[in-house]
Amino acid sequence: MGIQIAHFPIQKTLEEFDFGAQPSVDRRLIQELATGRFVANACNVLLLGPPGVGKTHLAIGLGRAVVQAGYSVLFVTATELVAALDRAQNEGRLADRVAHYAKPKLLVIDELGYLPFDKPAAHLLFQLVVRRYEKTATLITTNQMVTQWGAVFGDEMIAAAMLDRLLHHSYTMVIQGDSYQMREKRKAGLWTPPELK
């Protein structure tokens, strides 16, 4: 799979990422992940933090670096992924669709937790996580701390089982700070936080 086949929604690179604006991002860890060794070792990456702190930028940049290292990559949002799995289940093609998402050496799942899933959707996602476990790498961006995943999936047991597999061999980075977009608007004088008005 090349850059086009990975389905990155926008072009972002690690070289373009402003590490100075996000000091909570471990630059050395990102550089290590960019080598692709985590993919070779079937390790997962979880990027956690509020909206706008650069999780998707880092995920795309890492995905591009992994493609350049020679690995297959597929990028999908969590809602697109669950919708595709649900549609396939309704059409009697779930095994084929799970196999499709299990195939890439790195599957990037963006925006997990922005919208909650019902239990059937959580079960579908769990099937995919189990299929990929210890065979291929998964990179997830989420605005929810792992302690909140029970609410995201509507099922504490499924959330715990999924986290058990995702965190077993993983790198986890909590990114803190202000939204990049809001910071830029503030600099331009286009937005003032409510507490400063």
C-alpha atoms as a PDB file:
ATOM      1  CA  MET A   1       0.000   0.000   0.000  1.00  0.00           C
ATOM      2  CA  GLY A   2       1.336   3.401  -0.936  1.00  0.00           C
ATOM      3  CA  ILE A   3       0.485   6.878   0.293  1.00  0.00           C
ATOM      4  CA  GLN A   4      -2.660   7.067  -1.888  1.00  0.00           C
ATOM      5  CA  ILE A   5      -3.863   3.603  -0.900  1.00  0.00           C
ATOM      6  CA  ALA A   6      -3.504   4.486   2.792  1.00  0.00           C
ATOM      7  CA  HIS A   7      -6.389   6.988   2.376  1.00  0.00           C
ATOM      8  CA  PHE A   8      -4.880   9.790   4.450  1.00  0.00           C
ATOM      9  CA  PRO A   9      -7.512  12.562   4.552  1.00  0.00           C
ATOM     10  CA  ILE A  10      -4.960  15.385   4.272  1.00  0.00           C
ATOM     11  CA  GLN A  11      -1.246  15.731   3.697  1.00  0.00           C
ATOM     12  CA  LYS A  12       0.624  16.132   6.978  1.00  0.00           C
ATOM     13  CA  THR A  13       4.211  15.222   7.792  1.00  0.00           C
ATOM     14  CA  LEU A  14       6.161  14.921  11.005  1.00  0.00           C
ATOM     15  CA  GLU A  15       8.533  17.615   9.735  1.00  0.00           C
ATOM     16  CA  GLU A  16       5.612  20.070   9.681  1.00  0.00           C
ATOM     17  CA  PHE A  17       4.549  19.324  13.263  1.00  0.00           C
ATOM     18  CA  ASP A  18       5.223  22.196  15.684  1.00  0.00           C
ATOM     19  CA  PHE A  19       6.816  20.358  18.608  1.00  0.00           C
ATOM     20  CA  GLY A  20       7.521  23.721  20.283  1.00  0.00           C
ATOM     21  CA  ALA A  21       3.795  24.456  20.510  1.00  0.00           C
ATOM     22  CA  GLN A  22       3.082  21.056  22.073  1.00  0.00           C
ATOM     23  CA  PRO A  23       5.797  20.404  24.672  1.00  0.00           C
ATOM     24  CA  SER A  24       3.894  17.381  26.036  1.00  0.00           C
ATOM     25  CA  VAL A  25       4.683  15.507  22.804  1.00  0.00           C
ATOM     26  CA  ASP A  26       7.779  13.353  23.267  1.00  0.00           C
ATOM     27  CA  ARG A  27       9.755  14.185  20.137  1.00  0.00           C
ATOM     28  CA  ARG A  28      12.224  11.332  20.653  1.00  0.00           C
ATOM     29  CA  LEU A  29       9.400   8.817  20.934  1.00  0.00           C
ATOM     30  CA  ILE A  30       7.787  10.166  17.749  1.00  0.00           C
ATOM     31  CA  GLN A  31      11.132   9.878  15.942  1.00  0.00           C
ATOM     32  CA  GLU A  32      11.500   6.293  17.172  1.00  0.00           C
ATOM     33  CA  LEU A  33       7.962   5.437  16.058  1.00  0.00           C
ATOM     34  CA  ALA A  34       8.693   6.964  12.634  1.00  0.00           C
ATOM     35  CA  THR A  35      11.297   4.245  12.027  1.00  0.00           C
ATOM     36  CA  GLY A  36       8.466   1.721  11.808  1.00  0.00           C
ATOM     37  CA  ARG A  37       9.990  -0.668  14.324  1.00  0.00           C
ATOM     38  CA  PHE A  38       6.767  -0.628  16.333  1.00  0.00           C
ATOM     39  CA  VAL A  39       4.998  -1.971  13.244  1.00  0.00           C
ATOM     40  CA  ALA A  40       7.588  -4.716  12.764  1.00  0.00           C
ATOM     41  CA  ASN A  41       7.007  -5.695  16.405  1.00  0.00           C
ATOM     42  CA  ALA A  42       3.173  -5.506  16.132  1.00  0.00           C
ATOM     43  CA  CYS A  43       2.998  -2.851  18.864  1.00  0.00           C
ATOM     44  CA  ASN A  44       0.145  -0.387  19.165  1.00  0.00           C
ATOM     45  CA  VAL A  45       0.205   3.376  19.634  1.00  0.00           C
ATOM     46  CA  LEU A  46      -2.430   5.371  21.510  1.00  0.00           C
ATOM     47  CA  LEU A  47      -2.435   9.159  21.182  1.00  0.00           C
ATOM     48  CA  LEU A  48      -4.762  10.661  23.789  1.00  0.00           C
ATOM     49  CA  GLY A  49      -5.710  14.289  24.323  1.00  0.00           C
ATOM     50  CA  PRO A  50      -8.313  16.995  23.818  1.00  0.00           C
ATOM     51  CA  PRO A  51      -9.382  18.155  20.355  1.00  0.00           C
ATOM     52  CA  GLY A  52      -6.934  20.267  18.380  1.00  0.00           C
ATOM     53  CA  VAL A  53      -3.642  19.253  20.033  1.00  0.00           C
ATOM     54  CA  GLY A  54      -2.190  17.501  16.979  1.00  0.00           C
ATOM     55  CA  LYS A  55      -3.175  13.858  17.398  1.00  0.00           C
ATOM     56  CA  THR A  56      -4.412  13.448  13.825  1.00  0.00           C
ATOM     57  CA  HIS A  57      -1.411  15.348  12.437  1.00  0.00           C
ATOM     58  CA  LEU A  58       0.937  12.997  14.287  1.00  0.00           C
ATOM     59  CA  ALA A  59      -1.065   9.932  13.222  1.00  0.00           C
ATOM     60  CA  ILE A  60      -0.909  10.926   9.549  1.00  0.00           C
ATOM     61  CA  GLY A  61       2.771  11.856   9.813  1.00  0.00           C
ATOM     62  CA  LEU A  62       3.593   8.538  11.467  1.00  0.00           C
ATOM     63  CA  GLY A  63       1.483   6.699   8.906  1.00  0.00           C
ATOM     64  CA  ARG A  64       3.362   8.360   6.045  1.00  0.00           C
ATOM     65  CA  ALA A  65       6.714   7.530   7.673  1.00  0.00           C
ATOM     66  CA  VAL A  66       5.647   3.902   8.078  1.00  0.00           C
ATOM     67  CA  VAL A  67       4.631   3.734   4.391  1.00  0.00           C
ATOM     68  CA  GLN A  68       8.063   5.114   3.469  1.00  0.00           C
ATOM     69  CA  ALA A  69       9.619   2.409   5.674  1.00  0.00           C
ATOM     70  CA  GLY A  70       7.912  -0.158   3.442  1.00  0.00           C
ATOM     71  CA  TYR A  71       4.837  -1.156   5.441  1.00  0.00           C
ATOM     72  CA  SER A  72       1.194  -1.193   4.385  1.00  0.00           C
ATOM     73  CA  VAL A  73      -0.974   1.403   6.138  1.00  0.00           C
ATOM     74  CA  LEU A  74      -4.696   2.149   6.146  1.00  0.00           C
ATOM     75  CA  PHE A  75      -6.230   5.277   7.723  1.00  0.00           C
ATOM     76  CA  VAL A  76      -9.889   5.369   8.775  1.00  0.00           C
ATOM     77  CA  THR A  77     -11.960   7.309  11.280  1.00  0.00           C
ATOM     78  CA  ALA A  78     -13.590   5.289  14.038  1.00  0.00           C
ATOM     79  CA  THR A  79     -17.084   6.198  12.831  1.00  0.00           C
ATOM     80  CA  GLU A  80     -16.252   5.200   9.228  1.00  0.00           C
ATOM     81  CA  LEU A  81     -14.769   1.931  10.452  1.00  0.00           C
ATOM     82  CA  VAL A  82     -17.750   0.967  12.598  1.00  0.00           C
ATOM     83  CA  ALA A  83     -20.197   1.990   9.846  1.00  0.00           C
ATOM     84  CA  ALA A  84     -18.323  -0.185   7.324  1.00  0.00           C
ATOM     85  CA  LEU A  85     -18.288  -3.157   9.707  1.00  0.00           C
ATOM     86  CA  ASP A  86     -21.990  -2.706  10.502  1.00  0.00           C
ATOM     87  CA  ARG A  87     -22.895  -2.453   6.813  1.00  0.00           C
ATOM     88  CA  ALA A  88     -20.844  -5.579   6.041  1.00  0.00           C
ATOM     89  CA  GLN A  89     -22.548  -7.488   8.851  1.00  0.00           C
ATOM     90  CA  ASN A  90     -25.980  -6.522   7.504  1.00  0.00           C
ATOM     91  CA  GLU A  91     -24.914  -7.687   4.026  1.00  0.00           C
ATOM     92  CA  GLY A  92     -23.449 -10.979   5.286  1.00  0.00           C
ATOM     93  CA  ARG A  93     -19.868  -9.929   4.447  1.00  0.00           C
ATOM     94  CA  LEU A  94     -18.479  -9.237   7.930  1.00  0.00           C
ATOM     95  CA  ALA A  95     -15.653 -11.785   7.712  1.00  0.00           C
ATOM     96  CA  ASP A  96     -14.414 -10.211   4.459  1.00  0.00           C
ATOM     97  CA  ARG A  97     -14.569  -6.680   5.865  1.00  0.00           C
ATOM     98  CA  VAL A  98     -12.764  -7.657   9.083  1.00  0.00           C
ATOM     99  CA  ALA A  99     -10.107  -9.352   6.926  1.00  0.00           C
ATOM    100  CA  HIS A 100      -9.768  -6.130   4.887  1.00  0.00           C
ATOM    101  CA  TYR A 101      -9.084  -4.066   8.020  1.00  0.00           C
ATOM    102  CA  ALA A 102      -6.907  -6.782   9.556  1.00  0.00           C
ATOM    103  CA  LYS A 103      -4.578  -6.907   6.542  1.00  0.00           C
ATOM    104  CA  PRO A 104      -2.546  -3.646   6.739  1.00  0.00           C
ATOM    105  CA  LYS A 105       0.570  -3.817   8.875  1.00  0.00           C
ATOM    106  CA  LEU A 106      -0.602  -0.519  10.451  1.00  0.00           C
ATOM    107  CA  LEU A 107      -4.244   0.440  10.855  1.00  0.00           C
ATOM    108  CA  VAL A 108      -4.745   4.055  11.937  1.00  0.00           C
ATOM    109  CA  ILE A 109      -8.102   4.602  13.670  1.00  0.00           C
ATOM    110  CA  ASP A 110      -8.719   8.321  14.106  1.00  0.00           C
ATOM    111  CA  GLU A 111     -11.154  10.084  16.445  1.00  0.00           C
ATOM    112  CA  LEU A 112     -12.138   7.135  18.630  1.00  0.00           C
ATOM    113  CA  GLY A 113     -14.481   8.379  21.334  1.00  0.00           C
ATOM    114  CA  TYR A 114     -15.743  11.578  19.722  1.00  0.00           C
ATOM    115  CA  LEU A 115     -19.069   9.815  19.302  1.00  0.00           C
ATOM    116  CA  PRO A 116     -20.200   6.961  21.569  1.00  0.00           C
ATOM    117  CA  PHE A 117     -20.848   3.505  20.108  1.00  0.00           C
ATOM    118  CA  ASP A 118     -23.743   1.237  20.893  1.00  0.00           C
ATOM    119  CA  LYS A 119     -23.000  -2.280  22.142  1.00  0.00           C
ATOM    120  CA  PRO A 120     -23.315  -3.982  18.732  1.00  0.00           C
ATOM    121  CA  ALA A 121     -20.834  -1.490  17.241  1.00  0.00           C
ATOM    122  CA  ALA A 122     -18.462  -2.035  20.168  1.00  0.00           C
ATOM    123  CA  HIS A 123     -18.624  -5.791  19.570  1.00  0.00           C
ATOM    124  CA  LEU A 124     -17.752  -5.304  15.885  1.00  0.00           C
ATOM    125  CA  LEU A 125     -14.744  -3.160  16.738  1.00  0.00           C
ATOM    126  CA  PHE A 126     -13.671  -5.685  19.359  1.00  0.00           C
ATOM    127  CA  GLN A 127     -13.681  -8.456  16.733  1.00  0.00           C
ATOM    128  CA  LEU A 128     -11.247  -6.428  14.643  1.00  0.00           C
ATOM    129  CA  VAL A 129      -8.976  -5.666  17.613  1.00  0.00           C
ATOM    130  CA  VAL A 130      -8.865  -9.380  18.467  1.00  0.00           C
ATOM    131  CA  ARG A 131      -8.045 -10.256  14.844  1.00  0.00           C
ATOM    132  CA  ARG A 132      -5.130  -7.787  14.776  1.00  0.00           C
ATOM    133  CA  TYR A 133      -3.837  -8.570  18.296  1.00  0.00           C
ATOM    134  CA  GLU A 134      -0.129  -9.474  18.354  1.00  0.00           C
ATOM    135  CA  LYS A 135      -0.085  -9.791  14.549  1.00  0.00           C
ATOM    136  CA  THR A 136      -0.266  -6.210  13.291  1.00  0.00           C
ATOM    137  CA  ALA A 137       0.016  -2.688  14.708  1.00  0.00           C
ATOM    138  CA  THR A 138      -2.856  -0.315  15.404  1.00  0.00           C
ATOM    139  CA  LEU A 139      -2.552   3.429  16.022  1.00  0.00           C
ATOM    140  CA  ILE A 140      -5.531   5.098  17.707  1.00  0.00           C
ATOM    141  CA  THR A 141      -6.218   8.771  18.316  1.00  0.00           C
ATOM    142  CA  THR A 142      -8.811   9.585  20.955  1.00  0.00           C
ATOM    143  CA  ASN A 143     -10.042  12.476  23.046  1.00  0.00           C
ATOM    144  CA  GLN A 144     -11.031  10.065  25.831  1.00  0.00           C
ATOM    145  CA  MET A 145      -8.764   8.781  28.566  1.00  0.00           C
ATOM    146  CA  VAL A 146      -8.808   4.984  28.720  1.00  0.00           C
ATOM    147  CA  THR A 147     -10.703   5.150  32.019  1.00  0.00           C
ATOM    148  CA  GLN A 148     -13.639   6.617  30.038  1.00  0.00           C
ATOM    149  CA  TRP A 149     -13.771   3.937  27.348  1.00  0.00           C
ATOM    150  CA  GLY A 150     -16.534   2.023  29.128  1.00  0.00           C
ATOM    151  CA  ALA A 151     -18.844   4.965  28.461  1.00  0.00           C
ATOM    152  CA  VAL A 152     -17.607   5.293  24.866  1.00  0.00           C
ATOM    153  CA  PHE A 153     -18.395   1.655  24.102  1.00  0.00           C
ATOM    154  CA  GLY A 154     -21.478   1.372  26.305  1.00  0.00           C
ATOM    155  CA  ASP A 155     -20.027  -1.792  27.818  1.00  0.00           C
ATOM    156  CA  GLU A 156     -17.347  -1.887  30.526  1.00  0.00           C
ATOM    157  CA  MET A 157     -16.452  -5.530  29.768  1.00  0.00           C
ATOM    158  CA  ILE A 158     -15.854  -4.921  26.064  1.00  0.00           C
ATOM    159  CA  ALA A 159     -13.877  -1.767  26.840  1.00  0.00           C
ATOM    160  CA  ALA A 160     -11.696  -3.626  29.348  1.00  0.00           C
ATOM    161  CA  ALA A 161     -11.084  -6.534  26.967  1.00  0.00           C
ATOM    162  CA  MET A 162     -10.260  -4.176  24.104  1.00  0.00           C
ATOM    163  CA  LEU A 163      -7.883  -2.124  26.253  1.00  0.00           C
ATOM    164  CA  ASP A 164      -6.231  -5.298  27.519  1.00  0.00           C
ATOM    165  CA  ARG A 165      -5.265  -6.177  23.950  1.00  0.00           C
ATOM    166  CA  LEU A 166      -4.447  -2.656  22.783  1.00  0.00           C
ATOM    167  CA  LEU A 167      -2.291  -1.764  25.787  1.00  0.00           C
ATOM    168  CA  HIS A 168      -0.486  -5.108  26.086  1.00  0.00           C
ATOM    169  CA  HIS A 169       2.231  -4.122  23.587  1.00  0.00           C
ATOM    170  CA  SER A 170       1.864  -0.381  23.199  1.00  0.00           C
ATOM    171  CA  TYR A 171       3.215   3.118  23.340  1.00  0.00           C
ATOM    172  CA  THR A 172       0.814   5.590  24.942  1.00  0.00           C
ATOM    173  CA  MET A 173       1.195   9.347  24.729  1.00  0.00           C
ATOM    174  CA  VAL A 174      -1.069  11.831  26.500  1.00  0.00           C
ATOM    175  CA  ILE A 175      -0.933  15.159  24.681  1.00  0.00           C
ATOM    176  CA  GLN A 176      -1.929  18.193  26.706  1.00  0.00           C
ATOM    177  CA  GLY A 177      -2.328  21.825  25.826  1.00  0.00           C
ATOM    178  CA  ASP A 178      -4.512  24.217  23.925  1.00  0.00           C
ATOM    179  CA  SER A 179      -6.128  23.567  20.590  1.00  0.00           C
ATOM    180  CA  TYR A 180      -3.811  24.633  17.761  1.00  0.00           C
ATOM    181  CA  GLN A 181      -6.741  26.238  15.928  1.00  0.00           C
ATOM    182  CA  MET A 182      -7.845  28.264  18.980  1.00  0.00           C
ATOM    183  CA  ARG A 183      -4.262  29.316  19.695  1.00  0.00           C
ATOM    184  CA  GLU A 184      -3.942  30.646  16.129  1.00  0.00           C
ATOM    185  CA  LYS A 185      -7.272  32.507  16.378  1.00  0.00           C
ATOM    186  CA  ARG A 186      -6.163  34.026  19.682  1.00  0.00           C
ATOM    187  CA  LYS A 187      -2.879  35.195  18.106  1.00  0.00           C
ATOM    188  CA  ALA A 188      -4.817  36.808  15.273  1.00  0.00           C
ATOM    189  CA  GLY A 189      -7.167  38.508  17.759  1.00  0.00           C
ATOM    190  CA  LEU A 190     -10.165  36.597  16.422  1.00  0.00           C
ATOM    191  CA  TRP A 191     -11.056  34.805  19.657  1.00  0.00           C
ATOM    192  CA  THR A 192     -10.906  35.556  23.355  1.00  0.00           C
ATOM    193  CA  PRO A 193     -11.467  32.792  25.901  1.00  0.00           C
ATOM    194  CA  PRO A 194     -14.698  33.372  27.882  1.00  0.00           C
ATOM    195  CA  GLU A 195     -12.810  33.818  31.170  1.00  0.00           C
ATOM    196  CA  LEU A 196     -10.818  36.728  29.666  1.00  0.00           C
ATOM    197  CA  LYS A 197     -13.790  38.732  28.390  1.00  0.00           C
END
